[in-house]
Amino acid sequence: MKMMFRSIALLAALWTTAASAQDFTGPSIGVQAAWSSASVRNPTTDLGTATIDESKDAFVGGVFVGYDQQVLPSVVIGVQADLNFGASDKIVRSSAASAVTLDPKRDIDLTARAGYLVTPDTLLYVRGGYTNTRVETTLRSGSAIRTSSEDRDGWLVGGGVERILWDRVSARLEYRYSDLSDGDGKFDRHQVLFGVAYRF
């Protein structure tokens, strides 16, 4: 029993030491996965207005690279670039006479963040910046089919928490809202992301 308690105490000491050995300053690279919910209502496309009012939940996975700087004892700022891909994320409205399909191919996010260290190894932060989604639009009317691919530009805001688990490795949980609308149409997205980063 004493040996078990000693082992637990040793593991706790190693956890604390490892977490404190690395701060949030420097470059990082990581992977992430997300639940994503997209909502569209008559968005403007290269083919004109797509008559559709639908939502779609999907799984998203991707990679990111970033750089953070601890500018004050409890303040961290940083920049990040993401590349994400969705699975089963086509948004479809169909009937016997016509159909509309919006198929997101990939997402690119370029963002900045600012955070506050609630502990030396736990960062609460907000994020904002630019987002771009490559979307393939298909309109079918009777036997006629038209297809176009376009880049939809937008903006995003969000926030999350990141914790250094051990030396050079951190994990994060984050929420993002993205607006890709153009004109009177609606095209937005809610995401909850989980990521793991290696910090150089």
C-alpha atoms as a PDB file:
ATOM      1  CA  MET A   1       0.000   0.000   0.000  1.00  0.00           C
ATOM      2  CA  LYS A   2       2.832   2.394   0.850  1.00  0.00           C
ATOM      3  CA  MET A   3       4.437   1.605  -2.497  1.00  0.00           C
ATOM      4  CA  MET A   4       1.184   2.480  -4.305  1.00  0.00           C
ATOM      5  CA  PHE A   5       0.918   5.849  -2.525  1.00  0.00           C
ATOM      6  CA  ARG A   6       4.561   6.574  -3.273  1.00  0.00           C
ATOM      7  CA  SER A   7       3.990   5.754  -6.955  1.00  0.00           C
ATOM      8  CA  ILE A   8       0.945   8.045  -7.100  1.00  0.00           C
ATOM      9  CA  ALA A   9       2.899  10.843  -5.414  1.00  0.00           C
ATOM     10  CA  LEU A  10       5.772  10.365  -7.863  1.00  0.00           C
ATOM     11  CA  LEU A  11       3.417  10.474 -10.875  1.00  0.00           C
ATOM     12  CA  ALA A  12       1.765  13.635  -9.531  1.00  0.00           C
ATOM     13  CA  ALA A  13       5.163  15.262  -9.057  1.00  0.00           C
ATOM     14  CA  LEU A  14       6.235  14.314 -12.577  1.00  0.00           C
ATOM     15  CA  TRP A  15       2.937  15.665 -14.009  1.00  0.00           C
ATOM     16  CA  THR A  16       3.389  18.990 -12.228  1.00  0.00           C
ATOM     17  CA  THR A  17       7.035  19.288 -13.222  1.00  0.00           C
ATOM     18  CA  ALA A  18       6.386  18.389 -16.870  1.00  0.00           C
ATOM     19  CA  ALA A  19       3.478  20.782 -17.181  1.00  0.00           C
ATOM     20  CA  SER A  20       5.491  23.638 -15.736  1.00  0.00           C
ATOM     21  CA  ALA A  21       8.588  22.983 -17.842  1.00  0.00           C
ATOM     22  CA  GLN A  22       7.032  24.425 -21.003  1.00  0.00           C
ATOM     23  CA  ASP A  23       5.258  27.726 -21.540  1.00  0.00           C
ATOM     24  CA  PHE A  24       3.136  28.985 -24.456  1.00  0.00           C
ATOM     25  CA  THR A  25       5.916  30.888 -26.263  1.00  0.00           C
ATOM     26  CA  GLY A  26       7.077  29.556 -29.618  1.00  0.00           C
ATOM     27  CA  PRO A  27       5.867  27.727 -32.726  1.00  0.00           C
ATOM     28  CA  SER A  28       3.495  24.772 -32.676  1.00  0.00           C
ATOM     29  CA  ILE A  29       1.950  22.228 -35.029  1.00  0.00           C
ATOM     30  CA  GLY A  30      -1.069  20.072 -34.374  1.00  0.00           C
ATOM     31  CA  VAL A  31      -4.075  18.042 -35.427  1.00  0.00           C
ATOM     32  CA  GLN A  32      -7.723  18.655 -34.624  1.00  0.00           C
ATOM     33  CA  ALA A  33     -11.167  17.118 -34.977  1.00  0.00           C
ATOM     34  CA  ALA A  34     -14.518  18.854 -34.739  1.00  0.00           C
ATOM     35  CA  TRP A  35     -18.258  18.602 -34.750  1.00  0.00           C
ATOM     36  CA  SER A  36     -19.483  21.124 -37.303  1.00  0.00           C
ATOM     37  CA  SER A  37     -23.005  22.388 -37.990  1.00  0.00           C
ATOM     38  CA  ALA A  38     -23.524  24.416 -41.194  1.00  0.00           C
ATOM     39  CA  SER A  39     -26.721  26.333 -41.943  1.00  0.00           C
ATOM     40  CA  VAL A  40     -27.654  27.839 -45.310  1.00  0.00           C
ATOM     41  CA  ARG A  41     -30.629  29.837 -46.571  1.00  0.00           C
ATOM     42  CA  ASN A  42     -30.740  30.924 -50.220  1.00  0.00           C
ATOM     43  CA  PRO A  43     -26.991  31.686 -50.474  1.00  0.00           C
ATOM     44  CA  THR A  44     -25.631  33.684 -53.389  1.00  0.00           C
ATOM     45  CA  THR A  45     -23.370  31.512 -55.586  1.00  0.00           C
ATOM     46  CA  ASP A  46     -21.571  31.814 -58.929  1.00  0.00           C
ATOM     47  CA  LEU A  47     -24.677  30.181 -60.447  1.00  0.00           C
ATOM     48  CA  GLY A  48     -27.011  32.718 -58.858  1.00  0.00           C
ATOM     49  CA  THR A  49     -29.131  32.304 -55.743  1.00  0.00           C
ATOM     50  CA  ALA A  50     -29.356  28.687 -54.606  1.00  0.00           C
ATOM     51  CA  THR A  51     -32.897  28.028 -53.363  1.00  0.00           C
ATOM     52  CA  ILE A  52     -32.185  26.016 -50.257  1.00  0.00           C
ATOM     53  CA  ASP A  53     -32.904  26.313 -46.527  1.00  0.00           C
ATOM     54  CA  GLU A  54     -31.119  23.458 -44.767  1.00  0.00           C
ATOM     55  CA  SER A  55     -28.667  22.576 -42.002  1.00  0.00           C
ATOM     56  CA  LYS A  56     -26.066  19.826 -41.865  1.00  0.00           C
ATOM     57  CA  ASP A  57     -24.030  18.327 -39.031  1.00  0.00           C
ATOM     58  CA  ALA A  58     -20.700  16.756 -39.965  1.00  0.00           C
ATOM     59  CA  PHE A  59     -17.331  15.564 -38.715  1.00  0.00           C
ATOM     60  CA  VAL A  60     -14.318  17.758 -39.564  1.00  0.00           C
ATOM     61  CA  GLY A  61     -10.624  16.955 -39.233  1.00  0.00           C
ATOM     62  CA  GLY A  62      -7.490  18.882 -40.054  1.00  0.00           C
ATOM     63  CA  VAL A  63      -4.098  20.323 -39.147  1.00  0.00           C
ATOM     64  CA  PHE A  64      -2.835  23.671 -37.873  1.00  0.00           C
ATOM     65  CA  VAL A  65       0.386  25.597 -37.376  1.00  0.00           C
ATOM     66  CA  GLY A  66       0.806  28.556 -35.076  1.00  0.00           C
ATOM     67  CA  TYR A  67       3.068  30.834 -33.118  1.00  0.00           C
ATOM     68  CA  ASP A  68       2.433  32.214 -29.618  1.00  0.00           C
ATOM     69  CA  GLN A  69       4.221  34.824 -27.530  1.00  0.00           C
ATOM     70  CA  GLN A  70       3.844  35.307 -23.785  1.00  0.00           C
ATOM     71  CA  VAL A  71       3.956  39.111 -23.749  1.00  0.00           C
ATOM     72  CA  LEU A  72       3.158  39.551 -20.043  1.00  0.00           C
ATOM     73  CA  PRO A  73       3.355  37.112 -17.127  1.00  0.00           C
ATOM     74  CA  SER A  74      -0.290  36.091 -17.663  1.00  0.00           C
ATOM     75  CA  VAL A  75      -1.000  37.253 -21.242  1.00  0.00           C
ATOM     76  CA  VAL A  76      -0.399  35.272 -24.443  1.00  0.00           C
ATOM     77  CA  ILE A  77      -0.999  36.407 -28.027  1.00  0.00           C
ATOM     78  CA  GLY A  78      -0.613  34.315 -31.158  1.00  0.00           C
ATOM     79  CA  VAL A  79      -1.433  33.595 -34.783  1.00  0.00           C
ATOM     80  CA  GLN A  80      -2.589  30.367 -36.417  1.00  0.00           C
ATOM     81  CA  ALA A  81      -3.326  28.841 -39.843  1.00  0.00           C
ATOM     82  CA  ASP A  82      -5.703  25.866 -40.212  1.00  0.00           C
ATOM     83  CA  LEU A  83      -6.527  23.460 -43.046  1.00  0.00           C
ATOM     84  CA  ASN A  84      -9.627  21.328 -42.433  1.00  0.00           C
ATOM     85  CA  PHE A  85     -11.679  18.785 -44.396  1.00  0.00           C
ATOM     86  CA  GLY A  86     -15.214  17.598 -43.714  1.00  0.00           C
ATOM     87  CA  ALA A  87     -16.780  14.152 -43.998  1.00  0.00           C
ATOM     88  CA  SER A  88     -20.373  13.627 -45.202  1.00  0.00           C
ATOM     89  CA  ASP A  89     -20.922  17.387 -45.114  1.00  0.00           C
ATOM     90  CA  LYS A  90     -22.914  17.916 -48.338  1.00  0.00           C
ATOM     91  CA  ILE A  91     -25.963  20.150 -47.876  1.00  0.00           C
ATOM     92  CA  VAL A  92     -28.798  18.966 -50.127  1.00  0.00           C
ATOM     93  CA  ARG A  93     -32.350  19.997 -51.026  1.00  0.00           C
ATOM     94  CA  SER A  94     -34.059  17.838 -53.604  1.00  0.00           C
ATOM     95  CA  SER A  95     -37.452  17.252 -55.162  1.00  0.00           C
ATOM     96  CA  ALA A  96     -38.722  15.452 -58.243  1.00  0.00           C
ATOM     97  CA  ALA A  97     -38.254  18.557 -60.399  1.00  0.00           C
ATOM     98  CA  SER A  98     -35.057  20.103 -59.008  1.00  0.00           C
ATOM     99  CA  ALA A  99     -32.152  19.756 -56.598  1.00  0.00           C
ATOM    100  CA  VAL A 100     -29.526  21.946 -54.953  1.00  0.00           C
ATOM    101  CA  THR A 101     -26.278  20.561 -53.527  1.00  0.00           C
ATOM    102  CA  LEU A 102     -23.596  22.529 -51.695  1.00  0.00           C
ATOM    103  CA  ASP A 103     -20.460  20.439 -51.163  1.00  0.00           C
ATOM    104  CA  PRO A 104     -17.698  22.029 -49.000  1.00  0.00           C
ATOM    105  CA  LYS A 105     -14.318  20.708 -50.134  1.00  0.00           C
ATOM    106  CA  ARG A 106     -11.909  22.294 -47.639  1.00  0.00           C
ATOM    107  CA  ASP A 107     -11.627  25.132 -45.126  1.00  0.00           C
ATOM    108  CA  ILE A 108      -8.714  27.520 -44.518  1.00  0.00           C
ATOM    109  CA  ASP A 109      -8.690  29.690 -41.369  1.00  0.00           C
ATOM    110  CA  LEU A 110      -6.158  32.461 -40.672  1.00  0.00           C
ATOM    111  CA  THR A 111      -6.650  33.782 -37.161  1.00  0.00           C
ATOM    112  CA  ALA A 112      -5.153  35.604 -34.196  1.00  0.00           C
ATOM    113  CA  ARG A 113      -5.815  34.888 -30.543  1.00  0.00           C
ATOM    114  CA  ALA A 114      -5.308  36.532 -27.167  1.00  0.00           C
ATOM    115  CA  GLY A 115      -5.396  34.619 -23.912  1.00  0.00           C
ATOM    116  CA  TYR A 116      -5.034  34.806 -20.158  1.00  0.00           C
ATOM    117  CA  LEU A 117      -3.131  32.227 -18.099  1.00  0.00           C
ATOM    118  CA  VAL A 118      -5.424  31.141 -15.268  1.00  0.00           C
ATOM    119  CA  THR A 119      -2.597  28.819 -14.174  1.00  0.00           C
ATOM    120  CA  PRO A 120       0.964  28.592 -15.564  1.00  0.00           C
ATOM    121  CA  ASP A 121      -0.138  25.754 -17.865  1.00  0.00           C
ATOM    122  CA  THR A 122      -3.823  26.593 -18.587  1.00  0.00           C
ATOM    123  CA  LEU A 123      -4.762  29.284 -21.107  1.00  0.00           C
ATOM    124  CA  LEU A 124      -8.226  30.777 -21.637  1.00  0.00           C
ATOM    125  CA  TYR A 125      -8.387  32.604 -24.967  1.00  0.00           C
ATOM    126  CA  VAL A 126     -10.494  34.303 -27.612  1.00  0.00           C
ATOM    127  CA  ARG A 127      -9.891  33.933 -31.346  1.00  0.00           C
ATOM    128  CA  GLY A 128     -10.893  35.836 -34.471  1.00  0.00           C
ATOM    129  CA  GLY A 129      -9.947  36.205 -38.103  1.00  0.00           C
ATOM    130  CA  TYR A 130     -10.480  35.183 -41.721  1.00  0.00           C
ATOM    131  CA  THR A 131     -12.026  31.981 -43.045  1.00  0.00           C
ATOM    132  CA  ASN A 132     -12.327  30.608 -46.566  1.00  0.00           C
ATOM    133  CA  THR A 133     -14.337  27.601 -47.738  1.00  0.00           C
ATOM    134  CA  ARG A 134     -14.092  25.991 -51.151  1.00  0.00           C
ATOM    135  CA  VAL A 135     -17.656  24.988 -52.130  1.00  0.00           C
ATOM    136  CA  GLU A 136     -18.893  23.046 -55.141  1.00  0.00           C
ATOM    137  CA  THR A 137     -22.463  24.035 -56.033  1.00  0.00           C
ATOM    138  CA  THR A 138     -24.698  21.851 -58.190  1.00  0.00           C
ATOM    139  CA  LEU A 139     -28.113  23.000 -59.436  1.00  0.00           C
ATOM    140  CA  ARG A 140     -30.441  20.555 -61.195  1.00  0.00           C
ATOM    141  CA  SER A 141     -33.634  21.611 -62.936  1.00  0.00           C
ATOM    142  CA  GLY A 142     -35.306  18.780 -64.803  1.00  0.00           C
ATOM    143  CA  SER A 143     -32.548  17.160 -66.876  1.00  0.00           C
ATOM    144  CA  ALA A 144     -30.321  20.267 -66.895  1.00  0.00           C
ATOM    145  CA  ILE A 145     -27.405  20.249 -64.443  1.00  0.00           C
ATOM    146  CA  ARG A 146     -25.078  23.171 -63.730  1.00  0.00           C
ATOM    147  CA  THR A 147     -21.990  22.955 -61.498  1.00  0.00           C
ATOM    148  CA  SER A 148     -19.573  25.566 -60.183  1.00  0.00           C
ATOM    149  CA  SER A 149     -16.767  25.716 -57.620  1.00  0.00           C
ATOM    150  CA  GLU A 150     -16.046  28.904 -55.718  1.00  0.00           C
ATOM    151  CA  ASP A 151     -14.131  30.208 -52.707  1.00  0.00           C
ATOM    152  CA  ARG A 152     -16.410  31.720 -50.074  1.00  0.00           C
ATOM    153  CA  ASP A 153     -14.660  34.330 -47.914  1.00  0.00           C
ATOM    154  CA  GLY A 154     -15.843  35.088 -44.397  1.00  0.00           C
ATOM    155  CA  TRP A 155     -14.918  35.811 -40.812  1.00  0.00           C
ATOM    156  CA  LEU A 156     -14.877  33.810 -37.603  1.00  0.00           C
ATOM    157  CA  VAL A 157     -14.852  34.392 -33.850  1.00  0.00           C
ATOM    158  CA  GLY A 158     -14.520  31.976 -30.972  1.00  0.00           C
ATOM    159  CA  GLY A 159     -12.755  31.008 -27.818  1.00  0.00           C
ATOM    160  CA  GLY A 160     -11.443  28.090 -25.859  1.00  0.00           C
ATOM    161  CA  VAL A 161      -9.105  26.636 -23.294  1.00  0.00           C
ATOM    162  CA  GLU A 162      -5.684  25.061 -23.856  1.00  0.00           C
ATOM    163  CA  ARG A 163      -3.636  23.150 -21.310  1.00  0.00           C
ATOM    164  CA  ILE A 164      -0.043  21.956 -21.431  1.00  0.00           C
ATOM    165  CA  LEU A 165      -0.237  18.249 -20.605  1.00  0.00           C
ATOM    166  CA  TRP A 166       3.493  17.615 -20.463  1.00  0.00           C
ATOM    167  CA  ASP A 167       6.671  19.044 -21.936  1.00  0.00           C
ATOM    168  CA  ARG A 168       5.975  20.190 -25.547  1.00  0.00           C
ATOM    169  CA  VAL A 169       2.456  18.725 -25.778  1.00  0.00           C
ATOM    170  CA  SER A 170      -0.793  20.599 -25.174  1.00  0.00           C
ATOM    171  CA  ALA A 171      -4.500  19.904 -25.732  1.00  0.00           C
ATOM    172  CA  ARG A 172      -7.302  22.363 -26.441  1.00  0.00           C
ATOM    173  CA  LEU A 173     -11.083  22.585 -26.624  1.00  0.00           C
ATOM    174  CA  GLU A 174     -12.489  25.440 -28.698  1.00  0.00           C
ATOM    175  CA  TYR A 175     -15.754  26.858 -30.071  1.00  0.00           C
ATOM    176  CA  ARG A 176     -15.910  28.805 -33.366  1.00  0.00           C
ATOM    177  CA  TYR A 177     -18.640  30.664 -35.217  1.00  0.00           C
ATOM    178  CA  SER A 178     -17.993  31.368 -38.922  1.00  0.00           C
ATOM    179  CA  ASP A 179     -20.023  33.593 -41.252  1.00  0.00           C
ATOM    180  CA  LEU A 180     -19.587  32.858 -44.972  1.00  0.00           C
ATOM    181  CA  SER A 181     -22.688  34.751 -46.117  1.00  0.00           C
ATOM    182  CA  ASP A 182     -22.751  36.946 -49.207  1.00  0.00           C
ATOM    183  CA  GLY A 183     -25.519  39.432 -49.990  1.00  0.00           C
ATOM    184  CA  ASP A 184     -28.978  38.564 -48.645  1.00  0.00           C
ATOM    185  CA  GLY A 185     -28.273  34.860 -48.327  1.00  0.00           C
ATOM    186  CA  LYS A 186     -27.132  32.984 -45.235  1.00  0.00           C
ATOM    187  CA  PHE A 187     -24.193  30.589 -44.921  1.00  0.00           C
ATOM    188  CA  ASP A 188     -22.811  30.146 -41.411  1.00  0.00           C
ATOM    189  CA  ARG A 189     -21.238  27.471 -39.270  1.00  0.00           C
ATOM    190  CA  HIS A 190     -20.849  26.480 -35.615  1.00  0.00           C
ATOM    191  CA  GLN A 191     -17.939  24.240 -34.614  1.00  0.00           C
ATOM    192  CA  VAL A 192     -16.631  22.578 -31.460  1.00  0.00           C
ATOM    193  CA  LEU A 193     -13.006  21.516 -31.963  1.00  0.00           C
ATOM    194  CA  PHE A 194     -10.632  19.324 -29.976  1.00  0.00           C
ATOM    195  CA  GLY A 195      -6.947  19.626 -30.838  1.00  0.00           C
ATOM    196  CA  VAL A 196      -3.530  18.366 -29.758  1.00  0.00           C
ATOM    197  CA  ALA A 197      -0.411  20.455 -30.427  1.00  0.00           C
ATOM    198  CA  TYR A 198       3.311  19.791 -30.337  1.00  0.00           C
ATOM    199  CA  ARG A 199       5.122  22.900 -29.164  1.00  0.00           C
ATOM    200  CA  PHE A 200       8.692  23.476 -30.374  1.00  0.00           C
END
